[in-house]
Amino acid sequence: YNLEIDGTDKLPTYYNLGSVSGKNFLSPYYNQEPWGLCWAFATIEQAESYLMIKNNKGYSSSSERFSVRQMDYVTSSDGISDYNNPIGTRTLTSGGNFYDSFSVLSYGLSLTDNNDWSYSYSSTAKLEMYEVLNFDSSKYETALSLLTL
């Protein structure tokens, strides 16, 4: 649903992604529990909404949800074994900001399904790079790959 403004139109006074022409383009809220991952949840939910709008398919209980825990691992300095994180020094579940998620998405993070990779893992478990960036089970990819950094 594109909103085009040509100079004579006015912006709407109200816009709700939860109800656009009878469709809900918002996925349900997750509880981030004690982890400082609000920035990752917001980023992932934006990607989900974007794809729902692009495909003109409102949310349903069978809609795919992306893994916030994957975003936590990819942007951490201690979650992936033998990984020199080019993005920063944040550790697993230590909070973050929009720049962290913007960076990995612009480098080409391939998002995987939350059902395959829940965010409720231990906050100290190290994983191998191929486990986190599992392109075989990706649901959404951007142009580049983190593996090329």
C-alpha atoms as a PDB file:
ATOM      1  CA  TYR A   1       0.000   0.000   0.000  1.00  0.00           C
ATOM      2  CA  ASN A   2       1.889   2.980  -1.279  1.00  0.00           C
ATOM      3  CA  LEU A   3       0.964   6.406  -0.072  1.00  0.00           C
ATOM      4  CA  GLU A   4       1.965   8.847  -2.772  1.00  0.00           C
ATOM      5  CA  ILE A   5       1.889  12.558  -2.103  1.00  0.00           C
ATOM      6  CA  ASP A   6       1.970  14.881  -5.109  1.00  0.00           C
ATOM      7  CA  GLY A   7       1.858  18.225  -3.302  1.00  0.00           C
ATOM      8  CA  THR A   8      -1.903  18.642  -3.451  1.00  0.00           C
ATOM      9  CA  ASP A   9      -2.728  15.709  -1.191  1.00  0.00           C
ATOM     10  CA  LYS A  10      -2.624  15.886   2.558  1.00  0.00           C
ATOM     11  CA  LEU A  11      -1.164  13.231   4.796  1.00  0.00           C
ATOM     12  CA  PRO A  12      -3.821  11.232   6.591  1.00  0.00           C
ATOM     13  CA  THR A  13      -4.458  12.224  10.182  1.00  0.00           C
ATOM     14  CA  TYR A  14      -4.517   8.559  11.189  1.00  0.00           C
ATOM     15  CA  TYR A  15      -2.733   5.464   9.859  1.00  0.00           C
ATOM     16  CA  ASN A  16      -2.721   2.084  11.566  1.00  0.00           C
ATOM     17  CA  LEU A  17      -0.894  -0.930  10.094  1.00  0.00           C
ATOM     18  CA  GLY A  18      -3.192  -3.102  12.188  1.00  0.00           C
ATOM     19  CA  SER A  19      -6.138  -2.103  10.021  1.00  0.00           C
ATOM     20  CA  VAL A  20      -5.434  -1.159   6.393  1.00  0.00           C
ATOM     21  CA  SER A  21      -8.437  -1.801   4.176  1.00  0.00           C
ATOM     22  CA  GLY A  22      -9.473  -4.552   6.567  1.00  0.00           C
ATOM     23  CA  LYS A  23      -6.047  -6.237   6.745  1.00  0.00           C
ATOM     24  CA  ASN A  24      -3.685  -6.486   9.698  1.00  0.00           C
ATOM     25  CA  PHE A  25      -0.051  -5.928   8.692  1.00  0.00           C
ATOM     26  CA  LEU A  26       1.289  -6.190  12.252  1.00  0.00           C
ATOM     27  CA  SER A  27       2.590  -9.354  13.847  1.00  0.00           C
ATOM     28  CA  PRO A  28       1.797  -9.906  17.546  1.00  0.00           C
ATOM     29  CA  TYR A  29       4.093  -8.448  20.162  1.00  0.00           C
ATOM     30  CA  TYR A  30       6.714 -10.661  21.778  1.00  0.00           C
ATOM     31  CA  ASN A  31       7.789 -10.418  25.388  1.00  0.00           C
ATOM     32  CA  GLN A  32      11.506  -9.608  25.345  1.00  0.00           C
ATOM     33  CA  GLU A  33      11.783 -10.951  28.899  1.00  0.00           C
ATOM     34  CA  PRO A  34      14.876  -9.677  30.769  1.00  0.00           C
ATOM     35  CA  TRP A  35      16.965  -9.322  27.601  1.00  0.00           C
ATOM     36  CA  GLY A  36      17.609  -5.871  26.164  1.00  0.00           C
ATOM     37  CA  LEU A  37      16.466  -6.777  22.668  1.00  0.00           C
ATOM     38  CA  CYS A  38      13.695  -4.235  22.033  1.00  0.00           C
ATOM     39  CA  TRP A  39      15.734  -2.816  19.129  1.00  0.00           C
ATOM     40  CA  ALA A  40      15.974  -6.289  17.533  1.00  0.00           C
ATOM     41  CA  PHE A  41      12.269  -7.016  18.023  1.00  0.00           C
ATOM     42  CA  ALA A  42      11.362  -3.656  16.442  1.00  0.00           C
ATOM     43  CA  THR A  43      13.617  -4.333  13.451  1.00  0.00           C
ATOM     44  CA  ILE A  44      12.330  -7.855  12.875  1.00  0.00           C
ATOM     45  CA  GLU A  45       8.692  -6.780  13.182  1.00  0.00           C
ATOM     46  CA  GLN A  46       9.311  -3.999  10.631  1.00  0.00           C
ATOM     47  CA  ALA A  47      10.673  -6.583   8.181  1.00  0.00           C
ATOM     48  CA  GLU A  48       7.630  -8.783   8.799  1.00  0.00           C
ATOM     49  CA  SER A  49       5.230  -5.874   8.222  1.00  0.00           C
ATOM     50  CA  TYR A  50       7.093  -4.830   5.072  1.00  0.00           C
ATOM     51  CA  LEU A  51       6.734  -8.303   3.562  1.00  0.00           C
ATOM     52  CA  MET A  52       3.060  -8.549   4.525  1.00  0.00           C
ATOM     53  CA  ILE A  53       2.380  -5.199   2.831  1.00  0.00           C
ATOM     54  CA  LYS A  54       4.499  -6.079  -0.207  1.00  0.00           C
ATOM     55  CA  ASN A  55       2.620  -9.365  -0.645  1.00  0.00           C
ATOM     56  CA  ASN A  56      -0.728  -7.797   0.303  1.00  0.00           C
ATOM     57  CA  LYS A  57      -1.224 -10.575   2.817  1.00  0.00           C
ATOM     58  CA  GLY A  58      -2.407  -9.699   6.308  1.00  0.00           C
ATOM     59  CA  TYR A  59      -1.148 -11.443   9.418  1.00  0.00           C
ATOM     60  CA  SER A  60      -2.594 -14.811  10.383  1.00  0.00           C
ATOM     61  CA  SER A  61      -1.529 -17.415  12.924  1.00  0.00           C
ATOM     62  CA  SER A  62       0.255 -19.297  10.136  1.00  0.00           C
ATOM     63  CA  SER A  63       2.343 -16.273   9.058  1.00  0.00           C
ATOM     64  CA  GLU A  64       6.097 -16.706   9.244  1.00  0.00           C
ATOM     65  CA  ARG A  65       7.870 -14.878  12.042  1.00  0.00           C
ATOM     66  CA  PHE A  66      11.585 -14.090  11.889  1.00  0.00           C
ATOM     67  CA  SER A  67      14.059 -15.032  14.614  1.00  0.00           C
ATOM     68  CA  VAL A  68      14.987 -12.156  16.928  1.00  0.00           C
ATOM     69  CA  ARG A  69      17.512 -14.429  18.605  1.00  0.00           C
ATOM     70  CA  GLN A  70      19.385 -14.685  15.312  1.00  0.00           C
ATOM     71  CA  MET A  71      19.734 -10.880  15.274  1.00  0.00           C
ATOM     72  CA  ASP A  72      21.067 -11.045  18.851  1.00  0.00           C
ATOM     73  CA  TYR A  73      23.734 -13.588  17.883  1.00  0.00           C
ATOM     74  CA  VAL A  74      24.822 -11.895  14.654  1.00  0.00           C
ATOM     75  CA  THR A  75      25.320  -8.515  16.325  1.00  0.00           C
ATOM     76  CA  SER A  76      27.096  -9.873  19.414  1.00  0.00           C
ATOM     77  CA  SER A  77      30.820 -10.220  19.907  1.00  0.00           C
ATOM     78  CA  ASP A  78      30.550 -13.419  21.951  1.00  0.00           C
ATOM     79  CA  GLY A  79      27.691 -15.471  20.446  1.00  0.00           C
ATOM     80  CA  ILE A  80      29.435 -16.962  17.428  1.00  0.00           C
ATOM     81  CA  SER A  81      32.597 -19.048  17.807  1.00  0.00           C
ATOM     82  CA  ASP A  82      35.757 -17.511  16.295  1.00  0.00           C
ATOM     83  CA  TYR A  83      33.882 -14.490  14.939  1.00  0.00           C
ATOM     84  CA  ASN A  84      35.465 -11.063  14.791  1.00  0.00           C
ATOM     85  CA  ASN A  85      32.286  -9.011  14.722  1.00  0.00           C
ATOM     86  CA  PRO A  86      32.734  -5.970  12.437  1.00  0.00           C
ATOM     87  CA  ILE A  87      29.664  -4.265  13.888  1.00  0.00           C
ATOM     88  CA  GLY A  88      30.649  -3.687  17.493  1.00  0.00           C
ATOM     89  CA  THR A  89      31.360  -5.072  20.916  1.00  0.00           C
ATOM     90  CA  ARG A  90      27.891  -5.772  22.337  1.00  0.00           C
ATOM     91  CA  THR A  91      27.504  -9.143  24.026  1.00  0.00           C
ATOM     92  CA  LEU A  92      24.530 -11.526  23.888  1.00  0.00           C
ATOM     93  CA  THR A  93      21.399 -10.051  25.499  1.00  0.00           C
ATOM     94  CA  SER A  94      23.251  -6.849  26.459  1.00  0.00           C
ATOM     95  CA  GLY A  95      20.998  -4.409  24.652  1.00  0.00           C
ATOM     96  CA  GLY A  96      21.781  -2.588  21.469  1.00  0.00           C
ATOM     97  CA  ASN A  97      20.359  -0.007  19.108  1.00  0.00           C
ATOM     98  CA  PHE A  98      18.932   0.430  15.642  1.00  0.00           C
ATOM     99  CA  TYR A  99      22.414   0.874  14.164  1.00  0.00           C
ATOM    100  CA  ASP A 100      23.292  -2.733  15.079  1.00  0.00           C
ATOM    101  CA  SER A 101      20.314  -4.174  13.226  1.00  0.00           C
ATOM    102  CA  PHE A 102      20.622  -1.733  10.315  1.00  0.00           C
ATOM    103  CA  SER A 103      24.253  -2.765   9.888  1.00  0.00           C
ATOM    104  CA  VAL A 104      23.629  -6.495   9.682  1.00  0.00           C
ATOM    105  CA  LEU A 105      20.647  -6.106   7.368  1.00  0.00           C
ATOM    106  CA  SER A 106      22.621  -3.840   5.041  1.00  0.00           C
ATOM    107  CA  TYR A 107      25.458  -6.392   5.033  1.00  0.00           C
ATOM    108  CA  GLY A 108      22.969  -9.085   4.006  1.00  0.00           C
ATOM    109  CA  LEU A 109      21.691 -10.980   7.041  1.00  0.00           C
ATOM    110  CA  SER A 110      19.480 -13.821   5.873  1.00  0.00           C
ATOM    111  CA  LEU A 111      16.574 -14.000   8.321  1.00  0.00           C
ATOM    112  CA  THR A 112      15.366 -17.408   9.463  1.00  0.00           C
ATOM    113  CA  ASP A 113      12.044 -18.538  10.880  1.00  0.00           C
ATOM    114  CA  ASN A 114      11.465 -18.020  14.594  1.00  0.00           C
ATOM    115  CA  ASN A 115       9.943 -21.502  14.871  1.00  0.00           C
ATOM    116  CA  ASP A 116      13.278 -22.949  13.754  1.00  0.00           C
ATOM    117  CA  TRP A 117      15.368 -20.717  16.007  1.00  0.00           C
ATOM    118  CA  SER A 118      13.600 -19.388  19.087  1.00  0.00           C
ATOM    119  CA  TYR A 119      15.046 -16.503  21.105  1.00  0.00           C
ATOM    120  CA  SER A 120      14.737 -18.425  24.373  1.00  0.00           C
ATOM    121  CA  TYR A 121      18.233 -19.946  24.199  1.00  0.00           C
ATOM    122  CA  SER A 122      20.823 -19.596  26.932  1.00  0.00           C
ATOM    123  CA  SER A 123      22.453 -16.182  27.004  1.00  0.00           C
ATOM    124  CA  THR A 124      25.936 -17.732  27.005  1.00  0.00           C
ATOM    125  CA  ALA A 125      25.780 -20.478  24.357  1.00  0.00           C
ATOM    126  CA  LYS A 126      28.285 -20.104  21.518  1.00  0.00           C
ATOM    127  CA  LEU A 127      27.228 -21.255  18.082  1.00  0.00           C
ATOM    128  CA  GLU A 128      29.095 -21.822  14.859  1.00  0.00           C
ATOM    129  CA  MET A 129      28.699 -19.259  12.075  1.00  0.00           C
ATOM    130  CA  TYR A 130      26.857 -21.712   9.813  1.00  0.00           C
ATOM    131  CA  GLU A 131      24.297 -22.351  12.574  1.00  0.00           C
ATOM    132  CA  VAL A 132      23.464 -18.659  12.872  1.00  0.00           C
ATOM    133  CA  LEU A 133      23.627 -17.725   9.188  1.00  0.00           C
ATOM    134  CA  ASN A 134      21.788 -20.749   7.871  1.00  0.00           C
ATOM    135  CA  PHE A 135      21.082 -19.699   4.305  1.00  0.00           C
ATOM    136  CA  ASP A 136      19.457 -23.046   3.528  1.00  0.00           C
ATOM    137  CA  SER A 137      16.526 -22.184   5.797  1.00  0.00           C
ATOM    138  CA  SER A 138      16.413 -18.443   5.121  1.00  0.00           C
ATOM    139  CA  LYS A 139      13.041 -16.777   4.693  1.00  0.00           C
ATOM    140  CA  TYR A 140      14.270 -13.326   3.658  1.00  0.00           C
ATOM    141  CA  GLU A 141      17.627 -12.187   2.294  1.00  0.00           C
ATOM    142  CA  THR A 142      19.154  -8.857   1.425  1.00  0.00           C
ATOM    143  CA  ALA A 143      21.662  -8.372  -1.366  1.00  0.00           C
ATOM    144  CA  LEU A 144      25.015  -9.045   0.299  1.00  0.00           C
ATOM    145  CA  SER A 145      26.309 -11.707   2.666  1.00  0.00           C
ATOM    146  CA  LEU A 146      27.888 -11.231   6.090  1.00  0.00           C
ATOM    147  CA  LEU A 147      30.265 -14.003   5.163  1.00  0.00           C
ATOM    148  CA  THR A 148      31.957 -11.682   2.657  1.00  0.00           C
ATOM    149  CA  LEU A 149      33.072  -9.169   5.278  1.00  0.00           C
END
